[in-house]
């Protein structure tokens, strides 16, 4: 688990591995809440992502630790 600091509270919505949905608001496409996990493809992890949970592979988007691009192979799905 990679946190951004000692006060970081893990939540899938803030994980670098989360897959966000999109919605149209006033004719513009905007990012919505989590719809899945790009790192783990199994149903259990997808459910964790949708419910804003987290797993041991949580990586806070505010962390200064670079994201391993190999782990992001699901980008763009």
PDB file of N, CA and C in Angstrom:
ATOM      1  N   UNK A   1       0.856  -1.161   0.000  1.00  0.00           N
ATOM      2  CA  UNK A   1       0.000   0.000   0.000  1.00  0.00           C
ATOM      3  C   UNK A   1       0.909   1.233   0.000  1.00  0.00           C
ATOM      4  N   UNK A   2       0.619   2.170  -0.893  1.00  0.00           N
ATOM      5  CA  UNK A   2       1.412   3.387  -0.984  1.00  0.00           C
ATOM      6  C   UNK A   2       0.497   4.569  -0.653  1.00  0.00           C
ATOM      7  N   UNK A   3       0.774   5.181   0.490  1.00  0.00           N
ATOM      8  CA  UNK A   3      -0.033   6.306   0.958  1.00  0.00           C
ATOM      9  C   UNK A   3       0.708   7.613   0.686  1.00  0.00           C
ATOM     10  N   UNK A   4      -0.017   8.717   0.658  1.00  0.00           N
ATOM     11  CA  UNK A   4       0.613  10.021   0.409  1.00  0.00           C
ATOM     12  C   UNK A   4       1.179  10.634   1.688  1.00  0.00           C
ATOM     13  N   UNK A   5       0.811  10.102   2.826  1.00  0.00           N
ATOM     14  CA  UNK A   5       1.295  10.625   4.098  1.00  0.00           C
ATOM     15  C   UNK A   5       0.669   9.873   5.252  1.00  0.00           C
ATOM     16  N   UNK A   6       1.047  10.253   6.459  1.00  0.00           N
ATOM     17  CA  UNK A   6       0.561   9.519   7.640  1.00  0.00           C
ATOM     18  C   UNK A   6      -0.943   9.690   7.865  1.00  0.00           C
ATOM     19  N   UNK A   7      -1.528  10.746   7.326  1.00  0.00           N
ATOM     20  CA  UNK A   7      -2.962  10.986   7.507  1.00  0.00           C
ATOM     21  C   UNK A   7      -3.794  10.526   6.311  1.00  0.00           C
ATOM     22  N   UNK A   8      -3.176   9.832   5.370  1.00  0.00           N
ATOM     23  CA  UNK A   8      -3.885   9.356   4.175  1.00  0.00           C
ATOM     24  C   UNK A   8      -4.886   8.269   4.562  1.00  0.00           C
ATOM     25  N   UNK A   9      -6.111   8.420   4.100  1.00  0.00           N
ATOM     26  CA  UNK A   9      -7.147   7.426   4.333  1.00  0.00           C
ATOM     27  C   UNK A   9      -7.427   6.718   3.012  1.00  0.00           C
ATOM     28  N   UNK A  10      -7.047   5.445   2.891  1.00  0.00           N
ATOM     29  CA  UNK A  10      -7.249   4.735   1.625  1.00  0.00           C
ATOM     30  C   UNK A  10      -8.714   4.681   1.206  1.00  0.00           C
ATOM     31  N   UNK A  11      -8.971   4.978  -0.038  1.00  0.00           N
ATOM     32  CA  UNK A  11     -10.295   4.919  -0.640  1.00  0.00           C
ATOM     33  C   UNK A  11     -10.082   4.728  -2.126  1.00  0.00           C
ATOM     34  N   UNK A  12     -10.731   3.775  -2.718  1.00  0.00           N
ATOM     35  CA  UNK A  12     -10.503   3.450  -4.118  1.00  0.00           C
ATOM     36  C   UNK A  12     -10.626   4.653  -5.043  1.00  0.00           C
ATOM     37  N   UNK A  13     -11.482   5.590  -4.714  1.00  0.00           N
ATOM     38  CA  UNK A  13     -11.679   6.760  -5.566  1.00  0.00           C
ATOM     39  C   UNK A  13     -10.379   7.543  -5.749  1.00  0.00           C
ATOM     40  N   UNK A  14      -9.445   7.407  -4.821  1.00  0.00           N
ATOM     41  CA  UNK A  14      -8.183   8.137  -4.873  1.00  0.00           C
ATOM     42  C   UNK A  14      -6.999   7.244  -5.241  1.00  0.00           C
ATOM     43  N   UNK A  15      -7.261   6.045  -5.681  1.00  0.00           N
ATOM     44  CA  UNK A  15      -6.204   5.098  -6.060  1.00  0.00           C
ATOM     45  C   UNK A  15      -5.822   5.297  -7.524  1.00  0.00           C
ATOM     46  N   UNK A  16      -4.541   5.185  -7.825  1.00  0.00           N
ATOM     47  CA  UNK A  16      -4.080   5.347  -9.204  1.00  0.00           C
ATOM     48  C   UNK A  16      -4.567   4.217 -10.106  1.00  0.00           C
ATOM     49  N   UNK A  17      -5.036   3.125  -9.540  1.00  0.00           N
ATOM     50  CA  UNK A  17      -5.488   1.972 -10.322  1.00  0.00           C
ATOM     51  C   UNK A  17      -6.991   1.992 -10.604  1.00  0.00           C
ATOM     52  N   UNK A  18      -7.708   2.973 -10.075  1.00  0.00           N
ATOM     53  CA  UNK A  18      -9.162   2.997 -10.244  1.00  0.00           C
ATOM     54  C   UNK A  18      -9.546   3.365 -11.678  1.00  0.00           C
ATOM     55  N   UNK A  19     -10.643   2.802 -12.114  1.00  0.00           N
ATOM     56  CA  UNK A  19     -11.222   3.153 -13.412  1.00  0.00           C
ATOM     57  C   UNK A  19     -12.485   3.950 -13.110  1.00  0.00           C
ATOM     58  N   UNK A  20     -12.503   5.226 -13.539  1.00  0.00           N
ATOM     59  CA  UNK A  20     -13.652   6.096 -13.296  1.00  0.00           C
ATOM     60  C   UNK A  20     -14.606   6.054 -14.481  1.00  0.00           C
ATOM     61  N   UNK A  21     -15.861   6.239 -14.186  1.00  0.00           N
ATOM     62  CA  UNK A  21     -16.872   6.351 -15.232  1.00  0.00           C
ATOM     63  C   UNK A  21     -16.966   7.790 -15.704  1.00  0.00           C
ATOM     64  N   UNK A  22     -17.818   8.018 -16.678  1.00  0.00           N
ATOM     65  CA  UNK A  22     -18.078   9.377 -17.143  1.00  0.00           C
ATOM     66  C   UNK A  22     -19.585   9.571 -17.294  1.00  0.00           C
ATOM     67  N   UNK A  23     -20.016  10.800 -17.130  1.00  0.00           N
ATOM     68  CA  UNK A  23     -21.413  11.175 -17.321  1.00  0.00           C
ATOM     69  C   UNK A  23     -21.433  12.479 -18.111  1.00  0.00           C
ATOM     70  N   UNK A  24     -22.557  12.771 -18.715  1.00  0.00           N
ATOM     71  CA  UNK A  24     -22.702  14.014 -19.457  1.00  0.00           C
ATOM     72  C   UNK A  24     -23.506  14.990 -18.606  1.00  0.00           C
ATOM     73  N   UNK A  25     -22.927  16.173 -18.364  1.00  0.00           N
ATOM     74  CA  UNK A  25     -23.564  17.227 -17.588  1.00  0.00           C
ATOM     75  C   UNK A  25     -23.523  18.501 -18.425  1.00  0.00           C
ATOM     76  N   UNK A  26     -24.680  19.054 -18.690  1.00  0.00           N
ATOM     77  CA  UNK A  26     -24.775  20.271 -19.511  1.00  0.00           C
ATOM     78  C   UNK A  26     -24.049  20.103 -20.849  1.00  0.00           C
ATOM     79  N   UNK A  27     -24.165  18.918 -21.425  1.00  0.00           N
ATOM     80  CA  UNK A  27     -23.564  18.656 -22.729  1.00  0.00           C
ATOM     81  C   UNK A  27     -22.071  18.365 -22.696  1.00  0.00           C
ATOM     82  N   UNK A  28     -21.483  18.320 -21.518  1.00  0.00           N
ATOM     83  CA  UNK A  28     -20.045  18.051 -21.396  1.00  0.00           C
ATOM     84  C   UNK A  28     -19.823  16.749 -20.651  1.00  0.00           C
ATOM     85  N   UNK A  29     -18.882  15.949 -21.146  1.00  0.00           N
ATOM     86  CA  UNK A  29     -18.541  14.690 -20.489  1.00  0.00           C
ATOM     87  C   UNK A  29     -17.614  14.986 -19.314  1.00  0.00           C
ATOM     88  N   UNK A  30     -18.005  14.514 -18.122  1.00  0.00           N
ATOM     89  CA  UNK A  30     -17.203  14.729 -16.918  1.00  0.00           C
ATOM     90  C   UNK A  30     -16.951  13.392 -16.226  1.00  0.00           C
ATOM     91  N   UNK A  31     -15.896  13.344 -15.458  1.00  0.00           N
ATOM     92  CA  UNK A  31     -15.530  12.132 -14.727  1.00  0.00           C
ATOM     93  C   UNK A  31     -16.486  11.921 -13.567  1.00  0.00           C
ATOM     94  N   UNK A  32     -16.896  10.663 -13.390  1.00  0.00           N
ATOM     95  CA  UNK A  32     -17.784  10.322 -12.274  1.00  0.00           C
ATOM     96  C   UNK A  32     -17.039   9.405 -11.308  1.00  0.00           C
ATOM     97  N   UNK A  33     -17.756   8.700 -10.488  1.00  0.00           N
ATOM     98  CA  UNK A  33     -17.165   7.833  -9.475  1.00  0.00           C
ATOM     99  C   UNK A  33     -16.525   6.585 -10.042  1.00  0.00           C
ATOM    100  N   UNK A  34     -15.915   5.805  -9.163  1.00  0.00           N
ATOM    101  CA  UNK A  34     -15.230   4.589  -9.583  1.00  0.00           C
ATOM    102  C   UNK A  34     -16.197   3.542 -10.132  1.00  0.00           C
ATOM    103  N   UNK A  35     -15.768   2.892 -11.219  1.00  0.00           N
ATOM    104  CA  UNK A  35     -16.571   1.827 -11.824  1.00  0.00           C
ATOM    105  C   UNK A  35     -15.804   0.506 -11.887  1.00  0.00           C
ATOM    106  N   UNK A  36     -14.547   0.515 -11.449  1.00  0.00           N
ATOM    107  CA  UNK A  36     -13.770  -0.713 -11.467  1.00  0.00           C
ATOM    108  C   UNK A  36     -12.299  -0.469 -11.180  1.00  0.00           C
ATOM    109  N   UNK A  37     -11.541  -1.552 -11.258  1.00  0.00           N
ATOM    110  CA  UNK A  37     -10.104  -1.524 -10.998  1.00  0.00           C
ATOM    111  C   UNK A  37      -9.373  -1.915 -12.277  1.00  0.00           C
ATOM    112  N   UNK A  38      -8.365  -1.114 -12.666  1.00  0.00           N
ATOM    113  CA  UNK A  38      -7.574  -1.412 -13.859  1.00  0.00           C
ATOM    114  C   UNK A  38      -6.468  -2.415 -13.574  1.00  0.00           C
ATOM    115  N   UNK A  39      -6.114  -2.587 -12.313  1.00  0.00           N
ATOM    116  CA  UNK A  39      -5.019  -3.487 -11.954  1.00  0.00           C
ATOM    117  C   UNK A  39      -5.493  -4.926 -11.790  1.00  0.00           C
ATOM    118  N   UNK A  40      -6.584  -5.107 -11.073  1.00  0.00           N
ATOM    119  CA  UNK A  40      -7.112  -6.444 -10.798  1.00  0.00           C
ATOM    120  C   UNK A  40      -8.392  -6.659 -11.601  1.00  0.00           C
ATOM    121  N   UNK A  41      -8.483  -7.762 -12.304  1.00  0.00           N
ATOM    122  CA  UNK A  41      -9.640  -8.016 -13.169  1.00  0.00           C
ATOM    123  C   UNK A  41     -10.725  -8.879 -12.522  1.00  0.00           C
ATOM    124  N   UNK A  42     -10.443  -9.448 -11.330  1.00  0.00           N
ATOM    125  CA  UNK A  42     -11.417 -10.343 -10.708  1.00  0.00           C
ATOM    126  C   UNK A  42     -12.601  -9.573 -10.127  1.00  0.00           C
ATOM    127  N   UNK A  43     -13.728 -10.265  -9.989  1.00  0.00           N
ATOM    128  CA  UNK A  43     -14.972  -9.653  -9.518  1.00  0.00           C
ATOM    129  C   UNK A  43     -14.826  -9.053  -8.124  1.00  0.00           C
ATOM    130  N   UNK A  44     -14.095  -9.713  -7.253  1.00  0.00           N
ATOM    131  CA  UNK A  44     -13.935  -9.212  -5.884  1.00  0.00           C
ATOM    132  C   UNK A  44     -13.316  -7.804  -5.893  1.00  0.00           C
ATOM    133  N   UNK A  45     -12.262  -7.605  -6.657  1.00  0.00           N
ATOM    134  CA  UNK A  45     -11.609  -6.296  -6.702  1.00  0.00           C
ATOM    135  C   UNK A  45     -12.471  -5.260  -7.425  1.00  0.00           C
ATOM    136  N   UNK A  46     -13.239  -5.693  -8.415  1.00  0.00           N
ATOM    137  CA  UNK A  46     -14.142  -4.761  -9.097  1.00  0.00           C
ATOM    138  C   UNK A  46     -15.202  -4.262  -8.111  1.00  0.00           C
ATOM    139  N   UNK A  47     -15.711  -5.172  -7.293  1.00  0.00           N
ATOM    140  CA  UNK A  47     -16.701  -4.797  -6.281  1.00  0.00           C
ATOM    141  C   UNK A  47     -16.100  -3.849  -5.238  1.00  0.00           C
ATOM    142  N   UNK A  48     -14.855  -4.111  -4.840  1.00  0.00           N
ATOM    143  CA  UNK A  48     -14.167  -3.238  -3.880  1.00  0.00           C
ATOM    144  C   UNK A  48     -14.050  -1.831  -4.462  1.00  0.00           C
ATOM    145  N   UNK A  49     -13.715  -1.740  -5.735  1.00  0.00           N
ATOM    146  CA  UNK A  49     -13.557  -0.436  -6.381  1.00  0.00           C
ATOM    147  C   UNK A  49     -14.877   0.324  -6.431  1.00  0.00           C
ATOM    148  N   UNK A  50     -15.927  -0.345  -6.819  1.00  0.00           N
ATOM    149  CA  UNK A  50     -17.239   0.302  -6.961  1.00  0.00           C
ATOM    150  C   UNK A  50     -17.758   0.813  -5.621  1.00  0.00           C
ATOM    151  N   UNK A  51     -17.408   0.129  -4.546  1.00  0.00           N
ATOM    152  CA  UNK A  51     -17.890   0.529  -3.217  1.00  0.00           C
ATOM    153  C   UNK A  51     -16.888   1.429  -2.484  1.00  0.00           C
ATOM    154  N   UNK A  52     -15.897   1.947  -3.224  1.00  0.00           N
ATOM    155  CA  UNK A  52     -14.880   2.861  -2.669  1.00  0.00           C
ATOM    156  C   UNK A  52     -14.068   2.232  -1.536  1.00  0.00           C
ATOM    157  N   UNK A  53     -13.823   0.955  -1.633  1.00  0.00           N
ATOM    158  CA  UNK A  53     -12.956   0.289  -0.670  1.00  0.00           C
ATOM    159  C   UNK A  53     -11.511   0.406  -1.126  1.00  0.00           C
ATOM    160  N   UNK A  54     -10.669  -0.495  -0.650  1.00  0.00           N
ATOM    161  CA  UNK A  54      -9.268  -0.513  -1.071  1.00  0.00           C
ATOM    162  C   UNK A  54      -8.682  -1.890  -0.795  1.00  0.00           C
ATOM    163  N   UNK A  55      -7.549  -2.179  -1.420  1.00  0.00           N
ATOM    164  CA  UNK A  55      -6.853  -3.448  -1.190  1.00  0.00           C
ATOM    165  C   UNK A  55      -5.391  -3.141  -0.875  1.00  0.00           C
ATOM    166  N   UNK A  56      -4.584  -4.179  -0.721  1.00  0.00           N
ATOM    167  CA  UNK A  56      -3.169  -4.004  -0.383  1.00  0.00           C
ATOM    168  C   UNK A  56      -2.383  -3.292  -1.482  1.00  0.00           C
ATOM    169  N   UNK A  57      -2.897  -3.243  -2.696  1.00  0.00           N
ATOM    170  CA  UNK A  57      -2.208  -2.579  -3.799  1.00  0.00           C
ATOM    171  C   UNK A  57      -2.625  -1.117  -3.955  1.00  0.00           C
ATOM    172  N   UNK A  58      -3.341  -0.577  -2.968  1.00  0.00           N
ATOM    173  CA  UNK A  58      -3.750   0.825  -3.019  1.00  0.00           C
ATOM    174  C   UNK A  58      -2.535   1.707  -3.228  1.00  0.00           C
ATOM    175  N   UNK A  59      -2.646   2.680  -4.157  1.00  0.00           N
ATOM    176  CA  UNK A  59      -1.576   3.646  -4.438  1.00  0.00           C
ATOM    177  C   UNK A  59      -2.242   5.016  -4.539  1.00  0.00           C
ATOM    178  N   UNK A  60      -2.067   5.833  -3.518  1.00  0.00           N
ATOM    179  CA  UNK A  60      -2.708   7.148  -3.480  1.00  0.00           C
ATOM    180  C   UNK A  60      -2.224   8.011  -4.639  1.00  0.00           C
ATOM    181  N   UNK A  61      -3.157   8.670  -5.324  1.00  0.00           N
ATOM    182  CA  UNK A  61      -2.786   9.492  -6.468  1.00  0.00           C
ATOM    183  C   UNK A  61      -1.953  10.707  -6.046  1.00  0.00           C
ATOM    184  N   UNK A  62      -1.967  11.071  -4.769  1.00  0.00           N
ATOM    185  CA  UNK A  62      -1.173  12.202  -4.294  1.00  0.00           C
ATOM    186  C   UNK A  62       0.220  11.793  -3.831  1.00  0.00           C
ATOM    187  N   UNK A  63       0.508  10.513  -3.839  1.00  0.00           N
ATOM    188  CA  UNK A  63       1.816  10.030  -3.425  1.00  0.00           C
ATOM    189  C   UNK A  63       2.878  10.483  -4.415  1.00  0.00           C
ATOM    190  N   UNK A  64       4.064  10.728  -3.925  1.00  0.00           N
ATOM    191  CA  UNK A  64       5.179  11.121  -4.784  1.00  0.00           C
ATOM    192  C   UNK A  64       5.887   9.913  -5.389  1.00  0.00           C
ATOM    193  N   UNK A  65       5.479   8.709  -4.998  1.00  0.00           N
ATOM    194  CA  UNK A  65       6.057   7.480  -5.541  1.00  0.00           C
ATOM    195  C   UNK A  65       5.480   7.265  -6.938  1.00  0.00           C
ATOM    196  N   UNK A  66       6.338   7.110  -7.966  1.00  0.00           N
ATOM    197  CA  UNK A  66       5.827   6.921  -9.332  1.00  0.00           C
ATOM    198  C   UNK A  66       4.999   5.643  -9.462  1.00  0.00           C
ATOM    199  N   UNK A  67       4.020   5.690 -10.348  1.00  0.00           N
ATOM    200  CA  UNK A  67       3.187   4.529 -10.631  1.00  0.00           C
ATOM    201  C   UNK A  67       3.955   3.613 -11.564  1.00  0.00           C
ATOM    202  N   UNK A  68       3.986   2.331 -11.252  1.00  0.00           N
ATOM    203  CA  UNK A  68       4.634   1.335 -12.106  1.00  0.00           C
ATOM    204  C   UNK A  68       3.772   1.147 -13.349  1.00  0.00           C
ATOM    205  N   UNK A  69       4.244   1.558 -14.525  1.00  0.00           N
ATOM    206  CA  UNK A  69       3.453   1.505 -15.750  1.00  0.00           C
ATOM    207  C   UNK A  69       3.058   0.074 -16.124  1.00  0.00           C
ATOM    208  N   UNK A  70       3.857  -0.913 -15.758  1.00  0.00           N
ATOM    209  CA  UNK A  70       3.492  -2.304 -16.057  1.00  0.00           C
ATOM    210  C   UNK A  70       2.214  -2.689 -15.323  1.00  0.00           C
ATOM    211  N   UNK A  71       2.015  -2.112 -14.137  1.00  0.00           N
ATOM    212  CA  UNK A  71       0.821  -2.424 -13.361  1.00  0.00           C
ATOM    213  C   UNK A  71      -0.401  -1.720 -13.931  1.00  0.00           C
ATOM    214  N   UNK A  72      -0.206  -0.740 -14.814  1.00  0.00           N
ATOM    215  CA  UNK A  72      -1.299   0.021 -15.380  1.00  0.00           C
ATOM    216  C   UNK A  72      -1.684  -0.473 -16.776  1.00  0.00           C
ATOM    217  N   UNK A  73      -1.407  -1.731 -17.082  1.00  0.00           N
ATOM    218  CA  UNK A  73      -1.659  -2.250 -18.416  1.00  0.00           C
ATOM    219  C   UNK A  73      -3.123  -2.168 -18.824  1.00  0.00           C
ATOM    220  N   UNK A  74      -4.034  -1.964 -17.871  1.00  0.00           N
ATOM    221  CA  UNK A  74      -5.447  -1.857 -18.183  1.00  0.00           C
ATOM    222  C   UNK A  74      -5.876  -0.457 -18.560  1.00  0.00           C
ATOM    223  N   UNK A  75      -4.940   0.491 -18.627  1.00  0.00           N
ATOM    224  CA  UNK A  75      -5.286   1.875 -18.994  1.00  0.00           C
ATOM    225  C   UNK A  75      -6.051   1.914 -20.297  1.00  0.00           C
ATOM    226  N   UNK A  76      -7.036   2.763 -20.342  1.00  0.00           N
ATOM    227  CA  UNK A  76      -7.785   2.976 -21.577  1.00  0.00           C
ATOM    228  C   UNK A  76      -8.875   1.977 -21.843  1.00  0.00           C
ATOM    229  N   UNK A  77      -9.095   1.059 -20.952  1.00  0.00           N
ATOM    230  CA  UNK A  77     -10.156   0.071 -21.172  1.00  0.00           C
ATOM    231  C   UNK A  77     -11.496   0.689 -20.949  1.00  0.00           C
TER     232      UNK A  77
END
